[in-house]
Amino acid sequence: MKVAVLIDDGYVRATAKAAGRNYDNDFIEEFAQGCVVPDEYLLRVLFCDGSRYQGTVQPPVSGQSKELRSNDHWLVDLGKRERFAVRRGIIED
């Protein structure tokens, strides 16, 4: 049977942290493969992630402004892997 696996970035990130694993594209691919039983064929992995916040924040304790920047190169690389497609969401207020 052909299957598609939908993966939410936040869930997999928390799972990796709880397991003490390094969160990278190899872990994500291994996680996706682990969702498929032996008599199934992994057709596609849809990896969903929201854009990271970019901008200036002021933490309440230190009060010093901090600039947050994100690097989405790892998502581009993940999307180039066989059977992977990356879907990016937008977080709105």
PDB file of N, CA and C in Angstrom:
ATOM      1  N   MET A   1       0.828  -1.160   0.000  1.00  0.00           N
ATOM      2  CA  MET A   1       0.000   0.000   0.000  1.00  0.00           C
ATOM      3  C   MET A   1       0.888   1.245   0.000  1.00  0.00           C
ATOM      4  N   LYS A   2       0.532   2.226  -0.797  1.00  0.00           N
ATOM      5  CA  LYS A   2       1.268   3.483  -0.852  1.00  0.00           C
ATOM      6  C   LYS A   2       0.742   4.408   0.238  1.00  0.00           C
ATOM      7  N   VAL A   3       1.673   5.075   0.939  1.00  0.00           N
ATOM      8  CA  VAL A   3       1.272   5.991   2.005  1.00  0.00           C
ATOM      9  C   VAL A   3       1.990   7.324   1.863  1.00  0.00           C
ATOM     10  N   ALA A   4       1.334   8.350   2.351  1.00  0.00           N
ATOM     11  CA  ALA A   4       1.938   9.680   2.472  1.00  0.00           C
ATOM     12  C   ALA A   4       2.002   9.996   3.959  1.00  0.00           C
ATOM     13  N   VAL A   5       3.087  10.583   4.388  1.00  0.00           N
ATOM     14  CA  VAL A   5       3.275  10.925   5.790  1.00  0.00           C
ATOM     15  C   VAL A   5       3.294  12.441   5.899  1.00  0.00           C
ATOM     16  N   LEU A   6       2.449  12.976   6.785  1.00  0.00           N
ATOM     17  CA  LEU A   6       2.422  14.410   7.060  1.00  0.00           C
ATOM     18  C   LEU A   6       3.156  14.649   8.369  1.00  0.00           C
ATOM     19  N   ILE A   7       4.144  15.540   8.345  1.00  0.00           N
ATOM     20  CA  ILE A   7       4.940  15.802   9.538  1.00  0.00           C
ATOM     21  C   ILE A   7       4.870  17.279   9.879  1.00  0.00           C
ATOM     22  N   ASP A   8       4.548  17.555  11.145  1.00  0.00           N
ATOM     23  CA  ASP A   8       4.550  18.912  11.663  1.00  0.00           C
ATOM     24  C   ASP A   8       5.898  19.179  12.325  1.00  0.00           C
ATOM     25  N   ASP A   9       6.555  20.249  11.908  1.00  0.00           N
ATOM     26  CA  ASP A   9       7.896  20.564  12.410  1.00  0.00           C
ATOM     27  C   ASP A   9       7.939  20.653  13.928  1.00  0.00           C
ATOM     28  N   GLY A  10       6.966  21.326  14.535  1.00  0.00           N
ATOM     29  CA  GLY A  10       6.972  21.507  15.985  1.00  0.00           C
ATOM     30  C   GLY A  10       6.936  20.194  16.739  1.00  0.00           C
ATOM     31  N   TYR A  11       6.137  19.242  16.249  1.00  0.00           N
ATOM     32  CA  TYR A  11       6.030  17.941  16.907  1.00  0.00           C
ATOM     33  C   TYR A  11       7.339  17.160  16.799  1.00  0.00           C
ATOM     34  N   VAL A  12       7.903  17.117  15.605  1.00  0.00           N
ATOM     35  CA  VAL A  12       9.134  16.346  15.406  1.00  0.00           C
ATOM     36  C   VAL A  12      10.289  16.979  16.174  1.00  0.00           C
ATOM     37  N   ARG A  13      10.334  18.291  16.210  1.00  0.00           N
ATOM     38  CA  ARG A  13      11.380  18.994  16.969  1.00  0.00           C
ATOM     39  C   ARG A  13      11.285  18.622  18.453  1.00  0.00           C
ATOM     40  N   ALA A  14      10.074  18.624  19.029  1.00  0.00           N
ATOM     41  CA  ALA A  14       9.880  18.268  20.437  1.00  0.00           C
ATOM     42  C   ALA A  14      10.232  16.806  20.682  1.00  0.00           C
ATOM     43  N   THR A  15       9.882  15.934  19.742  1.00  0.00           N
ATOM     44  CA  THR A  15      10.199  14.516  19.866  1.00  0.00           C
ATOM     45  C   THR A  15      11.708  14.291  19.887  1.00  0.00           C
ATOM     46  N   ALA A  16      12.419  14.974  19.000  1.00  0.00           N
ATOM     47  CA  ALA A  16      13.878  14.848  18.961  1.00  0.00           C
ATOM     48  C   ALA A  16      14.500  15.338  20.263  1.00  0.00           C
ATOM     49  N   LYS A  17      14.001  16.463  20.762  1.00  0.00           N
ATOM     50  CA  LYS A  17      14.541  17.014  22.010  1.00  0.00           C
ATOM     51  C   LYS A  17      14.302  16.058  23.171  1.00  0.00           C
ATOM     52  N   ALA A  18      13.078  15.498  23.258  1.00  0.00           N
ATOM     53  CA  ALA A  18      12.750  14.571  24.340  1.00  0.00           C
ATOM     54  C   ALA A  18      13.603  13.298  24.275  1.00  0.00           C
ATOM     55  N   ALA A  19      13.972  12.903  23.057  1.00  0.00           N
ATOM     56  CA  ALA A  19      14.784  11.692  22.880  1.00  0.00           C
ATOM     57  C   ALA A  19      16.280  11.971  22.986  1.00  0.00           C
ATOM     58  N   GLY A  20      16.636  13.249  23.146  1.00  0.00           N
ATOM     59  CA  GLY A  20      18.051  13.608  23.231  1.00  0.00           C
ATOM     60  C   GLY A  20      18.775  13.457  21.908  1.00  0.00           C
ATOM     61  N   ARG A  21      18.031  13.592  20.814  1.00  0.00           N
ATOM     62  CA  ARG A  21      18.591  13.416  19.475  1.00  0.00           C
ATOM     63  C   ARG A  21      18.911  14.763  18.835  1.00  0.00           C
ATOM     64  N   ASN A  22      19.847  14.754  17.934  1.00  0.00           N
ATOM     65  CA  ASN A  22      20.206  15.935  17.152  1.00  0.00           C
ATOM     66  C   ASN A  22      19.106  16.161  16.112  1.00  0.00           C
ATOM     67  N   TYR A  23      18.518  17.341  16.098  1.00  0.00           N
ATOM     68  CA  TYR A  23      17.424  17.642  15.177  1.00  0.00           C
ATOM     69  C   TYR A  23      18.002  18.179  13.872  1.00  0.00           C
ATOM     70  N   ASP A  24      18.018  17.319  12.873  1.00  0.00           N
ATOM     71  CA  ASP A  24      18.519  17.716  11.559  1.00  0.00           C
ATOM     72  C   ASP A  24      17.732  16.960  10.495  1.00  0.00           C
ATOM     73  N   ASN A  25      18.080  17.180   9.250  1.00  0.00           N
ATOM     74  CA  ASN A  25      17.341  16.552   8.151  1.00  0.00           C
ATOM     75  C   ASN A  25      17.454  15.031   8.164  1.00  0.00           C
ATOM     76  N   ASP A  26      18.573  14.498   8.616  1.00  0.00           N
ATOM     77  CA  ASP A  26      18.715  13.042   8.711  1.00  0.00           C
ATOM     78  C   ASP A  26      17.736  12.474   9.734  1.00  0.00           C
ATOM     79  N   PHE A  27      17.585  13.168  10.865  1.00  0.00           N
ATOM     80  CA  PHE A  27      16.623  12.715  11.877  1.00  0.00           C
ATOM     81  C   PHE A  27      15.199  12.766  11.325  1.00  0.00           C
ATOM     82  N   ILE A  28      14.864  13.833  10.612  1.00  0.00           N
ATOM     83  CA  ILE A  28      13.524  13.982  10.042  1.00  0.00           C
ATOM     84  C   ILE A  28      13.237  12.849   9.056  1.00  0.00           C
ATOM     85  N   GLU A  29      14.216  12.528   8.224  1.00  0.00           N
ATOM     86  CA  GLU A  29      14.028  11.437   7.259  1.00  0.00           C
ATOM     87  C   GLU A  29      13.873  10.100   7.983  1.00  0.00           C
ATOM     88  N   GLU A  30      14.671   9.867   9.003  1.00  0.00           N
ATOM     89  CA  GLU A  30      14.571   8.633   9.786  1.00  0.00           C
ATOM     90  C   GLU A  30      13.204   8.544  10.480  1.00  0.00           C
ATOM     91  N   PHE A  31      12.734   9.675  10.999  1.00  0.00           N
ATOM     92  CA  PHE A  31      11.420   9.724  11.650  1.00  0.00           C
ATOM     93  C   PHE A  31      10.322   9.358  10.654  1.00  0.00           C
ATOM     94  N   ALA A  32      10.393   9.918   9.454  1.00  0.00           N
ATOM     95  CA  ALA A  32       9.385   9.631   8.417  1.00  0.00           C
ATOM     96  C   ALA A  32       9.392   8.151   8.043  1.00  0.00           C
ATOM     97  N   GLN A  33      10.577   7.580   7.875  1.00  0.00           N
ATOM     98  CA  GLN A  33      10.685   6.162   7.544  1.00  0.00           C
ATOM     99  C   GLN A  33      10.102   5.291   8.660  1.00  0.00           C
ATOM    100  N   GLY A  34      10.235   5.738   9.904  1.00  0.00           N
ATOM    101  CA  GLY A  34       9.715   4.994  11.041  1.00  0.00           C
ATOM    102  C   GLY A  34       8.195   4.996  11.128  1.00  0.00           C
ATOM    103  N   CYS A  35       7.554   5.862  10.373  1.00  0.00           N
ATOM    104  CA  CYS A  35       6.085   5.929  10.360  1.00  0.00           C
ATOM    105  C   CYS A  35       5.467   4.908   9.406  1.00  0.00           C
ATOM    106  N   VAL A  36       6.297   4.221   8.661  1.00  0.00           N
ATOM    107  CA  VAL A  36       5.814   3.290   7.635  1.00  0.00           C
ATOM    108  C   VAL A  36       6.118   1.859   8.076  1.00  0.00           C
ATOM    109  N   VAL A  37       5.108   0.998   7.998  1.00  0.00           N
ATOM    110  CA  VAL A  37       5.302  -0.415   8.353  1.00  0.00           C
ATOM    111  C   VAL A  37       5.864  -1.163   7.144  1.00  0.00           C
ATOM    112  N   PRO A  38       6.446  -2.345   7.346  1.00  0.00           N
ATOM    113  CA  PRO A  38       7.143  -3.047   6.261  1.00  0.00           C
ATOM    114  C   PRO A  38       6.338  -3.314   4.992  1.00  0.00           C
ATOM    115  N   ASP A  39       5.030  -3.530   5.089  1.00  0.00           N
ATOM    116  CA  ASP A  39       4.269  -3.828   3.869  1.00  0.00           C
ATOM    117  C   ASP A  39       3.728  -2.568   3.179  1.00  0.00           C
ATOM    118  N   GLU A  40       4.167  -1.397   3.624  1.00  0.00           N
ATOM    119  CA  GLU A  40       3.749  -0.139   3.008  1.00  0.00           C
ATOM    120  C   GLU A  40       4.904   0.469   2.224  1.00  0.00           C
ATOM    121  N   TYR A  41       4.543   1.274   1.220  1.00  0.00           N
ATOM    122  CA  TYR A  41       5.531   1.969   0.400  1.00  0.00           C
ATOM    123  C   TYR A  41       5.390   3.471   0.659  1.00  0.00           C
ATOM    124  N   LEU A  42       6.483   4.096   1.059  1.00  0.00           N
ATOM    125  CA  LEU A  42       6.466   5.533   1.328  1.00  0.00           C
ATOM    126  C   LEU A  42       6.455   6.297   0.013  1.00  0.00           C
ATOM    127  N   LEU A  43       5.326   6.861  -0.315  1.00  0.00           N
ATOM    128  CA  LEU A  43       5.159   7.589  -1.563  1.00  0.00           C
ATOM    129  C   LEU A  43       5.649   9.031  -1.441  1.00  0.00           C
ATOM    130  N   ARG A  44       5.276   9.701  -0.356  1.00  0.00           N
ATOM    131  CA  ARG A  44       5.599  11.120  -0.202  1.00  0.00           C
ATOM    132  C   ARG A  44       5.611  11.493   1.273  1.00  0.00           C
ATOM    133  N   VAL A  45       6.502  12.416   1.619  1.00  0.00           N
ATOM    134  CA  VAL A  45       6.534  13.000   2.953  1.00  0.00           C
ATOM    135  C   VAL A  45       6.267  14.488   2.790  1.00  0.00           C
ATOM    136  N   LEU A  46       5.204  14.965   3.436  1.00  0.00           N
ATOM    137  CA  LEU A  46       4.885  16.388   3.429  1.00  0.00           C
ATOM    138  C   LEU A  46       5.297  16.963   4.776  1.00  0.00           C
ATOM    139  N   PHE A  47       6.271  17.827   4.754  1.00  0.00           N
ATOM    140  CA  PHE A  47       6.810  18.418   5.971  1.00  0.00           C
ATOM    141  C   PHE A  47       6.280  19.845   6.079  1.00  0.00           C
ATOM    142  N   CYS A  48       5.545  20.118   7.146  1.00  0.00           N
ATOM    143  CA  CYS A  48       4.907  21.432   7.314  1.00  0.00           C
ATOM    144  C   CYS A  48       5.617  22.232   8.393  1.00  0.00           C
ATOM    145  N   ASP A  49       5.885  23.489   8.093  1.00  0.00           N
ATOM    146  CA  ASP A  49       6.581  24.363   9.029  1.00  0.00           C
ATOM    147  C   ASP A  49       6.088  25.785   8.840  1.00  0.00           C
ATOM    148  N   GLY A  50       5.923  26.496   9.931  1.00  0.00           N
ATOM    149  CA  GLY A  50       5.600  27.917   9.873  1.00  0.00           C
ATOM    150  C   GLY A  50       6.881  28.724   9.805  1.00  0.00           C
ATOM    151  N   SER A  51       6.805  29.893   9.228  1.00  0.00           N
ATOM    152  CA  SER A  51       7.981  30.759   9.143  1.00  0.00           C
ATOM    153  C   SER A  51       8.401  31.197  10.536  1.00  0.00           C
ATOM    154  N   ARG A  52       9.677  31.253  10.754  1.00  0.00           N
ATOM    155  CA  ARG A  52      10.212  31.707  12.033  1.00  0.00           C
ATOM    156  C   ARG A  52      10.050  33.221  12.143  1.00  0.00           C
ATOM    157  N   TYR A  53       9.910  33.690  13.374  1.00  0.00           N
ATOM    158  CA  TYR A  53       9.784  35.126  13.609  1.00  0.00           C
ATOM    159  C   TYR A  53      11.110  35.806  13.311  1.00  0.00           C
ATOM    160  N   GLN A  54      11.037  36.907  12.617  1.00  0.00           N
ATOM    161  CA  GLN A  54      12.225  37.719  12.354  1.00  0.00           C
ATOM    162  C   GLN A  54      11.911  39.146  12.774  1.00  0.00           C
ATOM    163  N   GLY A  55      12.776  39.690  13.584  1.00  0.00           N
ATOM    164  CA  GLY A  55      12.565  41.055  14.043  1.00  0.00           C
ATOM    165  C   GLY A  55      13.256  41.284  15.376  1.00  0.00           C
ATOM    166  N   THR A  56      12.923  42.400  15.985  1.00  0.00           N
ATOM    167  CA  THR A  56      13.530  42.778  17.256  1.00  0.00           C
ATOM    168  C   THR A  56      12.549  42.511  18.389  1.00  0.00           C
ATOM    169  N   VAL A  57      13.051  41.880  19.438  1.00  0.00           N
ATOM    170  CA  VAL A  57      12.244  41.623  20.630  1.00  0.00           C
ATOM    171  C   VAL A  57      12.960  42.209  21.840  1.00  0.00           C
ATOM    172  N   GLN A  58      12.202  42.440  22.901  1.00  0.00           N
ATOM    173  CA  GLN A  58      12.788  42.941  24.139  1.00  0.00           C
ATOM    174  C   GLN A  58      12.404  41.968  25.252  1.00  0.00           C
ATOM    175  N   PRO A  59      13.336  41.088  25.647  1.00  0.00           N
ATOM    176  CA  PRO A  59      13.045  40.121  26.707  1.00  0.00           C
ATOM    177  C   PRO A  59      12.692  40.838  28.009  1.00  0.00           C
ATOM    178  N   PRO A  60      11.732  40.301  28.778  1.00  0.00           N
ATOM    179  CA  PRO A  60      11.275  40.996  29.979  1.00  0.00           C
ATOM    180  C   PRO A  60      12.297  41.056  31.110  1.00  0.00           C
ATOM    181  N   VAL A  61      13.188  40.089  31.188  1.00  0.00           N
ATOM    182  CA  VAL A  61      14.141  40.076  32.302  1.00  0.00           C
ATOM    183  C   VAL A  61      15.308  41.015  32.043  1.00  0.00           C
ATOM    184  N   SER A  62      15.989  40.844  30.907  1.00  0.00           N
ATOM    185  CA  SER A  62      17.170  41.670  30.633  1.00  0.00           C
ATOM    186  C   SER A  62      16.786  43.054  30.128  1.00  0.00           C
ATOM    187  N   GLY A  63      15.693  43.151  29.400  1.00  0.00           N
ATOM    188  CA  GLY A  63      15.256  44.437  28.858  1.00  0.00           C
ATOM    189  C   GLY A  63      16.101  44.922  27.697  1.00  0.00           C
ATOM    190  N   GLN A  64      17.103  44.150  27.293  1.00  0.00           N
ATOM    191  CA  GLN A  64      17.964  44.547  26.180  1.00  0.00           C
ATOM    192  C   GLN A  64      17.402  43.995  24.881  1.00  0.00           C
ATOM    193  N   SER A  65      17.307  44.853  23.884  1.00  0.00           N
ATOM    194  CA  SER A  65      16.761  44.427  22.589  1.00  0.00           C
ATOM    195  C   SER A  65      17.607  43.316  21.981  1.00  0.00           C
ATOM    196  N   LYS A  66      16.924  42.389  21.355  1.00  0.00           N
ATOM    197  CA  LYS A  66      17.604  41.265  20.715  1.00  0.00           C
ATOM    198  C   LYS A  66      17.030  41.088  19.318  1.00  0.00           C
ATOM    199  N   GLU A  67      17.911  40.961  18.345  1.00  0.00           N
ATOM    200  CA  GLU A  67      17.511  40.776  16.947  1.00  0.00           C
ATOM    201  C   GLU A  67      17.413  39.288  16.644  1.00  0.00           C
ATOM    202  N   LEU A  68      16.241  38.860  16.160  1.00  0.00           N
ATOM    203  CA  LEU A  68      16.041  37.454  15.799  1.00  0.00           C
ATOM    204  C   LEU A  68      16.032  37.320  14.283  1.00  0.00           C
ATOM    205  N   ARG A  69      16.815  36.405  13.783  1.00  0.00           N
ATOM    206  CA  ARG A  69      16.878  36.120  12.351  1.00  0.00           C
ATOM    207  C   ARG A  69      16.742  34.612  12.170  1.00  0.00           C
ATOM    208  N   SER A  70      16.143  34.212  11.082  1.00  0.00           N
ATOM    209  CA  SER A  70      16.017  32.776  10.828  1.00  0.00           C
ATOM    210  C   SER A  70      16.772  32.412   9.563  1.00  0.00           C
ATOM    211  N   ASN A  71      17.134  31.158   9.499  1.00  0.00           N
ATOM    212  CA  ASN A  71      17.830  30.621   8.348  1.00  0.00           C
ATOM    213  C   ASN A  71      17.033  29.401   7.883  1.00  0.00           C
ATOM    214  N   ASP A  72      16.426  29.501   6.727  1.00  0.00           N
ATOM    215  CA  ASP A  72      15.594  28.416   6.223  1.00  0.00           C
ATOM    216  C   ASP A  72      16.302  27.540   5.202  1.00  0.00           C
ATOM    217  N   HIS A  73      17.621  27.605   5.144  1.00  0.00           N
ATOM    218  CA  HIS A  73      18.358  26.786   4.175  1.00  0.00           C
ATOM    219  C   HIS A  73      18.142  25.297   4.410  1.00  0.00           C
ATOM    220  N   TRP A  74      17.990  24.904   5.665  1.00  0.00           N
ATOM    221  CA  TRP A  74      17.780  23.489   5.962  1.00  0.00           C
ATOM    222  C   TRP A  74      16.456  23.002   5.380  1.00  0.00           C
ATOM    223  N   LEU A  75      15.447  23.880   5.300  1.00  0.00           N
ATOM    224  CA  LEU A  75      14.173  23.489   4.694  1.00  0.00           C
ATOM    225  C   LEU A  75      14.314  23.297   3.187  1.00  0.00           C
ATOM    226  N   VAL A  76      15.100  24.143   2.560  1.00  0.00           N
ATOM    227  CA  VAL A  76      15.353  23.997   1.124  1.00  0.00           C
ATOM    228  C   VAL A  76      16.049  22.674   0.862  1.00  0.00           C
ATOM    229  N   ASP A  77      17.049  22.367   1.682  1.00  0.00           N
ATOM    230  CA  ASP A  77      17.774  21.095   1.534  1.00  0.00           C
ATOM    231  C   ASP A  77      16.858  19.894   1.792  1.00  0.00           C
ATOM    232  N   LEU A  78      15.970  20.005   2.774  1.00  0.00           N
ATOM    233  CA  LEU A  78      15.034  18.916   3.068  1.00  0.00           C
ATOM    234  C   LEU A  78      14.098  18.685   1.887  1.00  0.00           C
ATOM    235  N   GLY A  79      13.631  19.758   1.281  1.00  0.00           N
ATOM    236  CA  GLY A  79      12.733  19.653   0.136  1.00  0.00           C
ATOM    237  C   GLY A  79      13.375  19.009  -1.082  1.00  0.00           C
ATOM    238  N   LYS A  80      14.696  18.985  -1.147  1.00  0.00           N
ATOM    239  CA  LYS A  80      15.413  18.374  -2.267  1.00  0.00           C
ATOM    240  C   LYS A  80      15.603  16.869  -2.091  1.00  0.00           C
ATOM    241  N   ARG A  81      15.303  16.376  -0.897  1.00  0.00           N
ATOM    242  CA  ARG A  81      15.465  14.938  -0.654  1.00  0.00           C
ATOM    243  C   ARG A  81      14.366  14.158  -1.372  1.00  0.00           C
ATOM    244  N   GLU A  82      14.702  12.915  -1.703  1.00  0.00           N
ATOM    245  CA  GLU A  82      13.759  12.057  -2.420  1.00  0.00           C
ATOM    246  C   GLU A  82      12.487  11.853  -1.597  1.00  0.00           C
ATOM    247  N   ARG A  83      11.343  12.027  -2.227  1.00  0.00           N
ATOM    248  CA  ARG A  83      10.007  11.839  -1.663  1.00  0.00           C
ATOM    249  C   ARG A  83       9.584  12.933  -0.687  1.00  0.00           C
ATOM    250  N   PHE A  84      10.373  13.983  -0.500  1.00  0.00           N
ATOM    251  CA  PHE A  84      10.035  15.051   0.446  1.00  0.00           C
ATOM    252  C   PHE A  84       9.489  16.272  -0.266  1.00  0.00           C
ATOM    253  N   ALA A  85       8.499  16.881   0.350  1.00  0.00           N
ATOM    254  CA  ALA A  85       7.974  18.173  -0.085  1.00  0.00           C
ATOM    255  C   ALA A  85       7.793  19.009   1.163  1.00  0.00           C
ATOM    256  N   VAL A  86       8.230  20.244   1.114  1.00  0.00           N
ATOM    257  CA  VAL A  86       8.124  21.147   2.265  1.00  0.00           C
ATOM    258  C   VAL A  86       7.002  22.143   2.001  1.00  0.00           C
ATOM    259  N   ARG A  87       6.124  22.282   2.975  1.00  0.00           N
ATOM    260  CA  ARG A  87       5.038  23.249   2.907  1.00  0.00           C
ATOM    261  C   ARG A  87       5.240  24.245   4.033  1.00  0.00           C
ATOM    262  N   ARG A  88       5.270  25.518   3.683  1.00  0.00           N
ATOM    263  CA  ARG A  88       5.483  26.564   4.680  1.00  0.00           C
ATOM    264  C   ARG A  88       4.187  27.300   4.952  1.00  0.00           C
ATOM    265  N   GLY A  89       3.855  27.402   6.222  1.00  0.00           N
ATOM    266  CA  GLY A  89       2.672  28.136   6.626  1.00  0.00           C
ATOM    267  C   GLY A  89       3.049  29.542   7.050  1.00  0.00           C
ATOM    268  N   ILE A  90       2.038  30.328   7.283  1.00  0.00           N
ATOM    269  CA  ILE A  90       2.231  31.698   7.735  1.00  0.00           C
ATOM    270  C   ILE A  90       1.489  31.850   9.057  1.00  0.00           C
ATOM    271  N   ILE A  91       2.171  32.352  10.065  1.00  0.00           N
ATOM    272  CA  ILE A  91       1.555  32.588  11.347  1.00  0.00           C
ATOM    273  C   ILE A  91       1.067  34.030  11.366  1.00  0.00           C
ATOM    274  N   GLU A  92      -0.215  34.191  11.612  1.00  0.00           N
ATOM    275  CA  GLU A  92      -0.800  35.530  11.632  1.00  0.00           C
ATOM    276  C   GLU A  92      -1.327  35.839  13.024  1.00  0.00           C
ATOM    277  N   ASP A  93      -1.397  37.112  13.328  1.00  0.00           N
ATOM    278  CA  ASP A  93      -1.942  37.552  14.626  1.00  0.00           C
ATOM    279  C   ASP A  93      -3.437  37.454  14.623  1.00  0.00           C
TER     280      ASP A  93
END
